[in-house]
Amino acid sequence: MKLVPLELRLPRRSGSLRAQVEAALLVHGRPLRWAITGVESQAGQPAELLCVEAVLIAHGDGVAGSEDPSA
């Protein structure tokens, strides 16, 4: 298990903002903490981009969210 810093840019969609960010982060590992650090508008694009910085817990086996019960 290791801590991994991550920066993402996600298109903003309708619905729960928290759920969108957490779902995108789970692809990379289990979020320990995260923050939206900016919002970018793009000319000609209907959706804004969310700038997210996070620290994730990544497992050596490559499986996000799996835990070792002996730890």
Protein backbone atom coordinates (compact mmCIF):
# COMPACT_ATOMS: atom_id res chain seq x y z
CA MET A 1 0.00 0.00 0.00
CA LYS A 2 1.28 3.49 -0.82
CA LEU A 3 0.07 7.10 -0.92
CA VAL A 4 -0.20 8.56 -4.40
CA PRO A 5 -0.74 12.25 -5.26
CA LEU A 6 -3.06 12.84 -8.21
CA GLU A 7 -4.33 15.80 -10.23
CA LEU A 8 -7.39 15.43 -12.47
CA ARG A 9 -9.44 17.64 -14.73
CA LEU A 10 -13.03 16.43 -14.91
CA PRO A 11 -15.92 17.75 -17.01
CA ARG A 12 -18.70 18.99 -14.72
CA ARG A 13 -21.98 17.09 -15.18
CA SER A 14 -25.39 17.57 -13.65
CA GLY A 15 -26.05 15.74 -10.39
CA SER A 16 -24.05 15.31 -7.22
CA LEU A 17 -20.64 16.94 -7.48
CA ARG A 18 -19.26 14.80 -4.67
CA ALA A 19 -20.36 11.56 -6.35
CA GLN A 20 -18.75 12.61 -9.66
CA VAL A 21 -15.40 13.39 -8.07
CA GLU A 22 -15.33 10.29 -5.87
CA ALA A 23 -16.24 8.00 -8.78
CA ALA A 24 -13.42 9.46 -10.91
CA LEU A 25 -10.91 9.05 -8.06
CA LEU A 26 -11.89 5.43 -7.29
CA VAL A 27 -10.55 4.45 -10.72
CA HIS A 28 -7.06 5.33 -9.45
CA GLY A 29 -7.28 4.13 -5.82
CA ARG A 30 -9.09 4.82 -2.57
CA PRO A 31 -9.30 8.57 -1.85
CA LEU A 32 -7.73 9.60 1.44
CA ARG A 33 -8.46 13.28 0.86
CA TRP A 34 -9.33 15.47 -2.10
CA ALA A 35 -10.17 19.07 -2.95
CA ILE A 36 -11.52 20.98 -5.91
CA THR A 37 -8.79 23.52 -6.55
CA GLY A 38 -10.26 25.29 -9.55
CA VAL A 39 -12.96 25.49 -12.18
CA GLU A 40 -12.06 26.20 -15.80
CA SER A 41 -14.45 27.39 -18.49
CA GLN A 42 -13.67 26.48 -22.06
CA ALA A 43 -14.78 28.63 -24.96
CA GLY A 44 -17.36 26.82 -27.05
CA GLN A 45 -17.78 24.02 -24.50
CA PRO A 46 -21.01 23.67 -22.50
CA ALA A 47 -19.33 21.98 -19.50
CA GLU A 48 -16.80 23.44 -17.09
CA LEU A 49 -13.70 21.49 -16.08
CA LEU A 50 -13.14 20.80 -12.41
CA CYS A 51 -9.52 20.77 -11.25
CA VAL A 52 -9.18 18.19 -8.49
CA GLU A 53 -6.12 17.40 -6.37
CA ALA A 54 -6.16 14.24 -4.28
CA VAL A 55 -4.09 11.84 -2.23
CA LEU A 56 -5.03 8.23 -2.85
CA ILE A 57 -4.23 4.93 -1.19
CA ALA A 58 -3.03 2.59 -3.91
CA HIS A 59 -2.51 -1.11 -3.33
CA GLY A 60 0.40 -3.11 -4.69
CA ASP A 61 -1.94 -5.63 -6.32
CA GLY A 62 -3.46 -2.90 -8.49
CA VAL A 63 -6.95 -3.48 -7.13
CA ALA A 64 -8.51 -0.27 -5.84
CA GLY A 65 -10.41 -0.64 -2.60
CA SER A 66 -9.09 -4.09 -1.67
CA GLU A 67 -7.85 -4.32 1.88
CA ASP A 68 -5.58 -6.69 3.72
CA PRO A 69 -7.47 -7.80 6.86
CA SER A 70 -4.17 -8.52 8.62
CA ALA A 71 -3.01 -4.88 8.31
